[in-house]
Amino acid sequence: MINSDLQAEQPGVISGYRVHFFEEVSSTNDVARKIAESSDKEQILILARRQYNGRGRRGNRWISLHGGLWFSIILQSRDPPSDAVKLMFIMATAVVETVRQLGIKATLKWPNDVLVEGKKICGIMSEGKVSQGIIERVTIGVGLNANNDPGSFPPHLLGSVTSLKHECGRSVDLWLFLENLLSNFEDRRRSLQSGHWQRLLQEWKKYASFLGTWVSVACSEGSIVGKAWDVDNDGSLLIKLKDGTTRRIMEGSLRLCETEV
């Protein structure tokens, strides 16, 4: 029987992660922060059926309807802050490959969005606690439209979002999907710890359909328009401007341009 609803029987551990399950929370990252302060355990999973104040990067609100997969993982760390970005990248690759196992052609948009035919299906964010130049803890939040109906989203999102159920034409077993996703992520985390970041980044780029296209990036410097040239080792986006110069952008919101600007 397909467990299309997270209210089904809940495992205590999934793919090595200790599960904390909630019916409704403000956001799983908020709960993760509180739990992490009182725990030194590695690999904690915060999972909720609904979020009433879900958020994405740059303070954007994430609509977290019933049927979606809303979770955060807590990882203890003694790594440099740059590794928080790397973990977000390998989580994005894990999401894409798990979605593709369902026969859905998912792609990536810098820095943290998973798309299907240009429509957003998943967003990812990472937060870290830094002490004396070292990350003590990383929290990665994932919001994925799974068994929810895109037609139930607010009007301003219609046509720009999709879900696994809509793309597959059927409900997805959420526990099985989550188990596969975390397994894919852990495989990549072990590779990262073994020093294989270059290979993992190339794997991410393989799904980055925006590379080589014209984009507009809203960032602290304003709106920068150019051709998405590459993603560097630190996760920054390299954009080639019309005058031939290259700009490096560390953080921003990317929008695809339909034609050359």
C-alpha atoms as a PDB file:
ATOM      1  CA  MET A   1       0.000   0.000   0.000  1.00  0.00           C
ATOM      2  CA  ILE A   2       1.300   3.446  -0.910  1.00  0.00           C
ATOM      3  CA  ASN A   3       1.979   5.650   2.109  1.00  0.00           C
ATOM      4  CA  SER A   4       0.954   8.881   0.402  1.00  0.00           C
ATOM      5  CA  ASP A   5       0.204  10.555   3.720  1.00  0.00           C
ATOM      6  CA  LEU A   6       2.828  11.155   6.398  1.00  0.00           C
ATOM      7  CA  GLN A   7       0.217  10.420   9.030  1.00  0.00           C
ATOM      8  CA  ALA A   8       0.796   6.739   8.304  1.00  0.00           C
ATOM      9  CA  GLU A   9       2.936   4.676  10.672  1.00  0.00           C
ATOM     10  CA  GLN A  10       6.075   6.654  11.430  1.00  0.00           C
ATOM     11  CA  PRO A  11       9.499   4.994  11.651  1.00  0.00           C
ATOM     12  CA  GLY A  12      11.747   6.021  14.538  1.00  0.00           C
ATOM     13  CA  VAL A  13      14.809   6.009  12.290  1.00  0.00           C
ATOM     14  CA  ILE A  14      15.045   6.424   8.529  1.00  0.00           C
ATOM     15  CA  SER A  15      18.324   6.131   6.587  1.00  0.00           C
ATOM     16  CA  GLY A  16      20.225   6.638   9.837  1.00  0.00           C
ATOM     17  CA  TYR A  17      18.286   9.774  10.855  1.00  0.00           C
ATOM     18  CA  ARG A  18      16.371   9.954  14.122  1.00  0.00           C
ATOM     19  CA  VAL A  19      12.850  11.142  13.197  1.00  0.00           C
ATOM     20  CA  HIS A  20      10.986  13.917  15.039  1.00  0.00           C
ATOM     21  CA  PHE A  21       7.523  14.063  13.465  1.00  0.00           C
ATOM     22  CA  PHE A  22       5.037  16.945  13.864  1.00  0.00           C
ATOM     23  CA  GLU A  23       1.545  17.533  12.543  1.00  0.00           C
ATOM     24  CA  GLU A  24       2.124  21.271  12.102  1.00  0.00           C
ATOM     25  CA  VAL A  25       5.005  23.630  12.843  1.00  0.00           C
ATOM     26  CA  SER A  26       5.957  27.206  12.033  1.00  0.00           C
ATOM     27  CA  SER A  27       8.821  25.800   9.986  1.00  0.00           C
ATOM     28  CA  THR A  28      10.923  22.666  10.338  1.00  0.00           C
ATOM     29  CA  ASN A  29      14.074  24.810  10.454  1.00  0.00           C
ATOM     30  CA  ASP A  30      12.659  26.691  13.477  1.00  0.00           C
ATOM     31  CA  VAL A  31      12.018  23.403  15.277  1.00  0.00           C
ATOM     32  CA  ALA A  32      15.414  22.042  14.212  1.00  0.00           C
ATOM     33  CA  ARG A  33      17.140  25.040  15.759  1.00  0.00           C
ATOM     34  CA  LYS A  34      15.454  24.420  19.125  1.00  0.00           C
ATOM     35  CA  ILE A  35      16.116  20.682  19.119  1.00  0.00           C
ATOM     36  CA  ALA A  36      19.744  21.144  18.094  1.00  0.00           C
ATOM     37  CA  GLU A  37      20.397  23.464  21.037  1.00  0.00           C
ATOM     38  CA  SER A  38      19.556  20.657  23.461  1.00  0.00           C
ATOM     39  CA  SER A  39      21.087  17.744  21.569  1.00  0.00           C
ATOM     40  CA  ASP A  40      24.521  16.716  20.390  1.00  0.00           C
ATOM     41  CA  LYS A  41      23.153  13.882  18.299  1.00  0.00           C
ATOM     42  CA  GLU A  42      24.233  13.489  14.688  1.00  0.00           C
ATOM     43  CA  GLN A  43      21.675  13.069  11.901  1.00  0.00           C
ATOM     44  CA  ILE A  44      18.346  14.325  13.238  1.00  0.00           C
ATOM     45  CA  LEU A  45      15.339  14.648  10.928  1.00  0.00           C
ATOM     46  CA  ILE A  46      12.539  17.140  11.619  1.00  0.00           C
ATOM     47  CA  LEU A  47       9.462  16.275   9.557  1.00  0.00           C
ATOM     48  CA  ALA A  48       6.057  17.959   9.428  1.00  0.00           C
ATOM     49  CA  ARG A  49       2.809  17.455   7.559  1.00  0.00           C
ATOM     50  CA  ARG A  50       2.270  21.222   7.368  1.00  0.00           C
ATOM     51  CA  GLN A  51       4.184  24.451   7.951  1.00  0.00           C
ATOM     52  CA  TYR A  52       2.316  27.685   8.597  1.00  0.00           C
ATOM     53  CA  ASN A  53       5.397  29.888   8.282  1.00  0.00           C
ATOM     54  CA  GLY A  54       7.653  27.983   5.899  1.00  0.00           C
ATOM     55  CA  ARG A  55      10.386  30.066   4.341  1.00  0.00           C
ATOM     56  CA  GLY A  56      12.934  29.883   1.618  1.00  0.00           C
ATOM     57  CA  ARG A  57      16.130  31.801   0.966  1.00  0.00           C
ATOM     58  CA  ARG A  58      16.239  35.611   1.316  1.00  0.00           C
ATOM     59  CA  GLY A  59      13.192  35.524   3.604  1.00  0.00           C
ATOM     60  CA  ASN A  60      10.799  34.359   0.895  1.00  0.00           C
ATOM     61  CA  ARG A  61       7.707  32.549   2.109  1.00  0.00           C
ATOM     62  CA  TRP A  62       7.296  28.898   1.113  1.00  0.00           C
ATOM     63  CA  ILE A  63       3.692  27.750   0.769  1.00  0.00           C
ATOM     64  CA  SER A  64       3.598  24.432   2.655  1.00  0.00           C
ATOM     65  CA  LEU A  65       0.332  22.695   1.878  1.00  0.00           C
ATOM     66  CA  HIS A  66      -0.913  19.297   3.019  1.00  0.00           C
ATOM     67  CA  GLY A  67       0.611  16.511   0.936  1.00  0.00           C
ATOM     68  CA  GLY A  68       4.037  18.085   0.557  1.00  0.00           C
ATOM     69  CA  LEU A  69       7.310  16.849   1.986  1.00  0.00           C
ATOM     70  CA  TRP A  70       8.578  19.434   4.474  1.00  0.00           C
ATOM     71  CA  PHE A  71      11.662  18.525   6.468  1.00  0.00           C
ATOM     72  CA  SER A  72      14.984  19.654   7.897  1.00  0.00           C
ATOM     73  CA  ILE A  73      18.051  17.637   8.812  1.00  0.00           C
ATOM     74  CA  ILE A  74      20.560  18.520  11.521  1.00  0.00           C
ATOM     75  CA  LEU A  75      24.206  17.593  11.013  1.00  0.00           C
ATOM     76  CA  GLN A  76      26.960  18.104  13.573  1.00  0.00           C
ATOM     77  CA  SER A  77      30.102  19.474  11.969  1.00  0.00           C
ATOM     78  CA  ARG A  78      33.651  20.702  12.523  1.00  0.00           C
ATOM     79  CA  ASP A  79      34.097  22.036   9.006  1.00  0.00           C
ATOM     80  CA  PRO A  80      34.767  25.474   7.480  1.00  0.00           C
ATOM     81  CA  PRO A  81      31.659  27.623   6.739  1.00  0.00           C
ATOM     82  CA  SER A  82      32.060  27.064   2.996  1.00  0.00           C
ATOM     83  CA  ASP A  83      30.976  23.454   3.486  1.00  0.00           C
ATOM     84  CA  ALA A  84      27.422  24.563   4.365  1.00  0.00           C
ATOM     85  CA  VAL A  85      27.003  25.641   0.739  1.00  0.00           C
ATOM     86  CA  LYS A  86      28.478  22.372  -0.498  1.00  0.00           C
ATOM     87  CA  LEU A  87      25.966  20.391   1.569  1.00  0.00           C
ATOM     88  CA  MET A  88      23.113  22.385   0.046  1.00  0.00           C
ATOM     89  CA  PHE A  89      24.442  21.612  -3.434  1.00  0.00           C
ATOM     90  CA  ILE A  90      24.735  17.879  -2.822  1.00  0.00           C
ATOM     91  CA  MET A  91      21.242  17.827  -1.289  1.00  0.00           C
ATOM     92  CA  ALA A  92      19.939  19.463  -4.476  1.00  0.00           C
ATOM     93  CA  THR A  93      21.604  16.781  -6.589  1.00  0.00           C
ATOM     94  CA  ALA A  94      20.152  14.070  -4.344  1.00  0.00           C
ATOM     95  CA  VAL A  95      16.666  15.545  -4.783  1.00  0.00           C
ATOM     96  CA  VAL A  96      17.028  15.689  -8.571  1.00  0.00           C
ATOM     97  CA  GLU A  97      18.200  12.103  -8.839  1.00  0.00           C
ATOM     98  CA  THR A  98      15.458  10.826  -6.509  1.00  0.00           C
ATOM     99  CA  VAL A  99      12.820  12.687  -8.519  1.00  0.00           C
ATOM    100  CA  ARG A 100      14.281  11.312 -11.746  1.00  0.00           C
ATOM    101  CA  GLN A 101      13.937   7.790 -10.373  1.00  0.00           C
ATOM    102  CA  LEU A 102      10.175   8.404 -10.678  1.00  0.00           C
ATOM    103  CA  GLY A 103      10.585   9.125 -14.396  1.00  0.00           C
ATOM    104  CA  ILE A 104      10.350  12.920 -13.953  1.00  0.00           C
ATOM    105  CA  LYS A 105      13.000  14.987 -15.745  1.00  0.00           C
ATOM    106  CA  ALA A 106      14.031  17.373 -12.973  1.00  0.00           C
ATOM    107  CA  THR A 107      16.721  20.038 -13.406  1.00  0.00           C
ATOM    108  CA  LEU A 108      18.534  22.547 -11.182  1.00  0.00           C
ATOM    109  CA  LYS A 109      18.490  26.333 -11.015  1.00  0.00           C
ATOM    110  CA  TRP A 110      21.166  28.170  -9.050  1.00  0.00           C
ATOM    111  CA  PRO A 111      21.514  28.130  -6.188  1.00  0.00           C
ATOM    112  CA  ASN A 112      18.812  25.981  -4.604  1.00  0.00           C
ATOM    113  CA  ASP A 113      15.766  25.316  -6.802  1.00  0.00           C
ATOM    114  CA  VAL A 114      14.668  22.055  -8.403  1.00  0.00           C
ATOM    115  CA  LEU A 115      12.513  22.498 -11.497  1.00  0.00           C
ATOM    116  CA  VAL A 116      10.418  20.360 -13.817  1.00  0.00           C
ATOM    117  CA  GLU A 117       9.804  21.915 -17.242  1.00  0.00           C
ATOM    118  CA  GLY A 118      10.625  25.310 -15.748  1.00  0.00           C
ATOM    119  CA  LYS A 119       8.203  24.915 -12.838  1.00  0.00           C
ATOM    120  CA  LYS A 120       9.447  24.820  -9.269  1.00  0.00           C
ATOM    121  CA  ILE A 121       8.981  21.555  -7.418  1.00  0.00           C
ATOM    122  CA  CYS A 122      11.497  21.916  -4.585  1.00  0.00           C
ATOM    123  CA  GLY A 123      13.505  24.530  -2.700  1.00  0.00           C
ATOM    124  CA  ILE A 124      16.472  23.991  -0.387  1.00  0.00           C
ATOM    125  CA  MET A 125      18.166  26.196   2.179  1.00  0.00           C
ATOM    126  CA  SER A 126      21.015  25.725   4.637  1.00  0.00           C
ATOM    127  CA  GLU A 127      21.791  27.449   7.923  1.00  0.00           C
ATOM    128  CA  GLY A 128      24.881  26.990  10.025  1.00  0.00           C
ATOM    129  CA  LYS A 129      26.027  27.791  13.545  1.00  0.00           C
ATOM    130  CA  VAL A 130      29.582  29.108  13.358  1.00  0.00           C
ATOM    131  CA  SER A 131      31.980  29.351  16.293  1.00  0.00           C
ATOM    132  CA  GLN A 132      35.590  30.541  15.999  1.00  0.00           C
ATOM    133  CA  GLY A 133      35.528  30.146  12.228  1.00  0.00           C
ATOM    134  CA  ILE A 134      34.246  26.575  12.320  1.00  0.00           C
ATOM    135  CA  ILE A 135      30.718  25.288  11.691  1.00  0.00           C
ATOM    136  CA  GLU A 136      29.419  23.464  14.735  1.00  0.00           C
ATOM    137  CA  ARG A 137      26.119  22.507  13.173  1.00  0.00           C
ATOM    138  CA  VAL A 138      24.395  22.653   9.792  1.00  0.00           C
ATOM    139  CA  THR A 139      20.640  22.570   9.248  1.00  0.00           C
ATOM    140  CA  ILE A 140      19.373  21.859   5.728  1.00  0.00           C
ATOM    141  CA  GLY A 141      15.723  22.567   5.039  1.00  0.00           C
ATOM    142  CA  VAL A 142      13.897  20.968   2.114  1.00  0.00           C
ATOM    143  CA  GLY A 143      10.441  21.848   0.842  1.00  0.00           C
ATOM    144  CA  LEU A 144       9.136  19.559  -1.892  1.00  0.00           C
ATOM    145  CA  ASN A 145       5.726  19.589  -3.551  1.00  0.00           C
ATOM    146  CA  ALA A 146       4.895  15.890  -3.451  1.00  0.00           C
ATOM    147  CA  ASN A 147       1.281  14.730  -3.242  1.00  0.00           C
ATOM    148  CA  ASN A 148      -0.260  18.184  -3.177  1.00  0.00           C
ATOM    149  CA  ASP A 149      -2.260  19.531  -6.118  1.00  0.00           C
ATOM    150  CA  PRO A 150      -0.671  22.555  -7.860  1.00  0.00           C
ATOM    151  CA  GLY A 151      -4.198  23.871  -8.445  1.00  0.00           C
ATOM    152  CA  SER A 152      -4.545  24.418  -4.707  1.00  0.00           C
ATOM    153  CA  PHE A 153      -1.709  26.945  -4.595  1.00  0.00           C
ATOM    154  CA  PRO A 154      -2.433  30.692  -4.417  1.00  0.00           C
ATOM    155  CA  PRO A 155      -3.358  32.246  -7.792  1.00  0.00           C
ATOM    156  CA  HIS A 156      -0.041  34.076  -8.171  1.00  0.00           C
ATOM    157  CA  LEU A 157       1.813  30.727  -8.131  1.00  0.00           C
ATOM    158  CA  LEU A 158      -0.364  28.886 -10.636  1.00  0.00           C
ATOM    159  CA  GLY A 159       1.631  27.984 -13.718  1.00  0.00           C
ATOM    160  CA  SER A 160       4.968  28.382 -11.923  1.00  0.00           C
ATOM    161  CA  VAL A 161       4.856  25.360  -9.569  1.00  0.00           C
ATOM    162  CA  THR A 162       4.244  21.641  -9.924  1.00  0.00           C
ATOM    163  CA  SER A 163       4.276  18.488  -7.778  1.00  0.00           C
ATOM    164  CA  LEU A 164       5.366  14.861  -7.973  1.00  0.00           C
ATOM    165  CA  LYS A 165       1.731  13.729  -8.035  1.00  0.00           C
ATOM    166  CA  HIS A 166       0.901  16.056 -10.919  1.00  0.00           C
ATOM    167  CA  GLU A 167       3.923  14.962 -12.946  1.00  0.00           C
ATOM    168  CA  CYS A 168       3.496  11.225 -12.221  1.00  0.00           C
ATOM    169  CA  GLY A 169      -0.281  11.161 -12.488  1.00  0.00           C
ATOM    170  CA  ARG A 170      -0.427   9.277  -9.180  1.00  0.00           C
ATOM    171  CA  SER A 171       0.392   9.635  -5.491  1.00  0.00           C
ATOM    172  CA  VAL A 172       3.938   8.881  -4.356  1.00  0.00           C
ATOM    173  CA  ASP A 173       4.931   6.816  -1.338  1.00  0.00           C
ATOM    174  CA  LEU A 174       6.359   9.612   0.797  1.00  0.00           C
ATOM    175  CA  TRP A 175       8.254   7.437   3.271  1.00  0.00           C
ATOM    176  CA  LEU A 176       9.912   5.458   0.482  1.00  0.00           C
ATOM    177  CA  PHE A 177      10.752   8.649  -1.423  1.00  0.00           C
ATOM    178  CA  LEU A 178      12.249  10.212   1.716  1.00  0.00           C
ATOM    179  CA  GLU A 179      14.281   7.106   2.476  1.00  0.00           C
ATOM    180  CA  ASN A 180      15.699   7.057  -1.064  1.00  0.00           C
ATOM    181  CA  LEU A 181      16.422  10.782  -0.935  1.00  0.00           C
ATOM    182  CA  LEU A 182      18.332  10.603   2.346  1.00  0.00           C
ATOM    183  CA  SER A 183      20.253   7.562   1.122  1.00  0.00           C
ATOM    184  CA  ASN A 184      21.265   9.466  -2.028  1.00  0.00           C
ATOM    185  CA  PHE A 185      22.303  12.440   0.100  1.00  0.00           C
ATOM    186  CA  GLU A 186      24.363  10.334   2.513  1.00  0.00           C
ATOM    187  CA  ASP A 187      26.220   8.692  -0.385  1.00  0.00           C
ATOM    188  CA  ARG A 188      27.253  12.150  -1.563  1.00  0.00           C
ATOM    189  CA  ARG A 189      28.087  13.391   1.924  1.00  0.00           C
ATOM    190  CA  ARG A 190      30.523  10.526   2.342  1.00  0.00           C
ATOM    191  CA  SER A 191      32.100  11.481  -0.999  1.00  0.00           C
ATOM    192  CA  LEU A 192      32.364  15.094   0.173  1.00  0.00           C
ATOM    193  CA  GLN A 193      34.063  14.004   3.396  1.00  0.00           C
ATOM    194  CA  SER A 194      36.489  11.952   1.291  1.00  0.00           C
ATOM    195  CA  GLY A 195      37.547  15.054  -0.637  1.00  0.00           C
ATOM    196  CA  HIS A 196      35.568  14.553  -3.854  1.00  0.00           C
ATOM    197  CA  TRP A 197      33.895  17.981  -4.027  1.00  0.00           C
ATOM    198  CA  GLN A 198      35.031  18.590  -7.619  1.00  0.00           C
ATOM    199  CA  ARG A 199      33.296  15.434  -8.820  1.00  0.00           C
ATOM    200  CA  LEU A 200      30.163  16.287  -6.837  1.00  0.00           C
ATOM    201  CA  LEU A 201      30.070  19.807  -8.273  1.00  0.00           C
ATOM    202  CA  GLN A 202      30.383  18.443 -11.810  1.00  0.00           C
ATOM    203  CA  GLU A 203      27.499  16.120 -11.032  1.00  0.00           C
ATOM    204  CA  TRP A 204      25.425  19.133  -9.921  1.00  0.00           C
ATOM    205  CA  LYS A 205      26.319  21.011 -13.112  1.00  0.00           C
ATOM    206  CA  LYS A 206      25.125  18.079 -15.190  1.00  0.00           C
ATOM    207  CA  TYR A 207      21.566  18.947 -14.145  1.00  0.00           C
ATOM    208  CA  ALA A 208      22.003  22.739 -14.301  1.00  0.00           C
ATOM    209  CA  SER A 209      19.985  23.477 -17.421  1.00  0.00           C
ATOM    210  CA  PHE A 210      20.355  27.258 -16.953  1.00  0.00           C
ATOM    211  CA  LEU A 211      24.103  27.226 -17.688  1.00  0.00           C
ATOM    212  CA  GLY A 212      24.845  28.832 -21.043  1.00  0.00           C
ATOM    213  CA  THR A 213      21.557  30.779 -21.080  1.00  0.00           C
ATOM    214  CA  TRP A 214      20.774  34.447 -20.481  1.00  0.00           C
ATOM    215  CA  VAL A 215      19.710  35.201 -16.923  1.00  0.00           C
ATOM    216  CA  SER A 216      18.899  38.097 -14.637  1.00  0.00           C
ATOM    217  CA  VAL A 217      20.085  37.884 -11.031  1.00  0.00           C
ATOM    218  CA  ALA A 218      18.663  40.093  -8.289  1.00  0.00           C
ATOM    219  CA  CYS A 219      21.378  40.572  -5.670  1.00  0.00           C
ATOM    220  CA  SER A 220      22.710  43.174  -3.252  1.00  0.00           C
ATOM    221  CA  GLU A 221      24.278  45.050  -6.184  1.00  0.00           C
ATOM    222  CA  GLY A 222      20.962  45.326  -8.011  1.00  0.00           C
ATOM    223  CA  SER A 223      19.909  43.387 -11.097  1.00  0.00           C
ATOM    224  CA  ILE A 224      22.726  41.817 -13.108  1.00  0.00           C
ATOM    225  CA  VAL A 225      21.981  40.504 -16.595  1.00  0.00           C
ATOM    226  CA  GLY A 226      24.256  38.259 -18.618  1.00  0.00           C
ATOM    227  CA  LYS A 227      24.974  34.706 -19.690  1.00  0.00           C
ATOM    228  CA  ALA A 228      25.259  32.130 -16.902  1.00  0.00           C
ATOM    229  CA  TRP A 229      28.792  30.982 -17.576  1.00  0.00           C
ATOM    230  CA  ASP A 230      29.709  28.629 -14.756  1.00  0.00           C
ATOM    231  CA  VAL A 231      29.394  27.828 -11.061  1.00  0.00           C
ATOM    232  CA  ASP A 232      32.708  28.098  -9.223  1.00  0.00           C
ATOM    233  CA  ASN A 233      34.136  25.812  -6.537  1.00  0.00           C
ATOM    234  CA  ASP A 234      32.692  27.974  -3.746  1.00  0.00           C
ATOM    235  CA  GLY A 235      29.193  27.793  -5.236  1.00  0.00           C
ATOM    236  CA  SER A 236      29.272  31.319  -6.662  1.00  0.00           C
ATOM    237  CA  LEU A 237      27.669  32.015 -10.030  1.00  0.00           C
ATOM    238  CA  LEU A 238      29.867  33.377 -12.822  1.00  0.00           C
ATOM    239  CA  ILE A 239      28.021  35.586 -15.298  1.00  0.00           C
ATOM    240  CA  LYS A 240      29.514  36.859 -18.537  1.00  0.00           C
ATOM    241  CA  LEU A 241      28.218  40.367 -19.304  1.00  0.00           C
ATOM    242  CA  LYS A 242      27.606  41.811 -22.746  1.00  0.00           C
ATOM    243  CA  ASP A 243      30.881  43.711 -22.611  1.00  0.00           C
ATOM    244  CA  GLY A 244      32.757  40.427 -22.182  1.00  0.00           C
ATOM    245  CA  THR A 245      33.626  40.876 -18.508  1.00  0.00           C
ATOM    246  CA  THR A 246      32.766  38.247 -15.938  1.00  0.00           C
ATOM    247  CA  ARG A 247      30.955  38.919 -12.658  1.00  0.00           C
ATOM    248  CA  ARG A 248      30.993  36.655  -9.631  1.00  0.00           C
ATOM    249  CA  ILE A 249      27.771  36.507  -7.599  1.00  0.00           C
ATOM    250  CA  MET A 250      27.788  34.823  -4.215  1.00  0.00           C
ATOM    251  CA  GLU A 251      24.100  35.207  -3.347  1.00  0.00           C
ATOM    252  CA  GLY A 252      20.984  36.195  -5.232  1.00  0.00           C
ATOM    253  CA  SER A 253      17.787  35.170  -6.969  1.00  0.00           C
ATOM    254  CA  LEU A 254      18.112  33.976 -10.556  1.00  0.00           C
ATOM    255  CA  ARG A 255      15.498  34.424 -13.254  1.00  0.00           C
ATOM    256  CA  LEU A 256      15.756  32.937 -16.741  1.00  0.00           C
ATOM    257  CA  CYS A 257      15.470  35.343 -19.659  1.00  0.00           C
ATOM    258  CA  GLU A 258      13.347  34.122 -22.573  1.00  0.00           C
ATOM    259  CA  THR A 259      15.602  35.789 -25.136  1.00  0.00           C
ATOM    260  CA  GLU A 260      19.046  37.377 -25.253  1.00  0.00           C
ATOM    261  CA  VAL A 261      18.971  40.706 -23.457  1.00  0.00           C
END
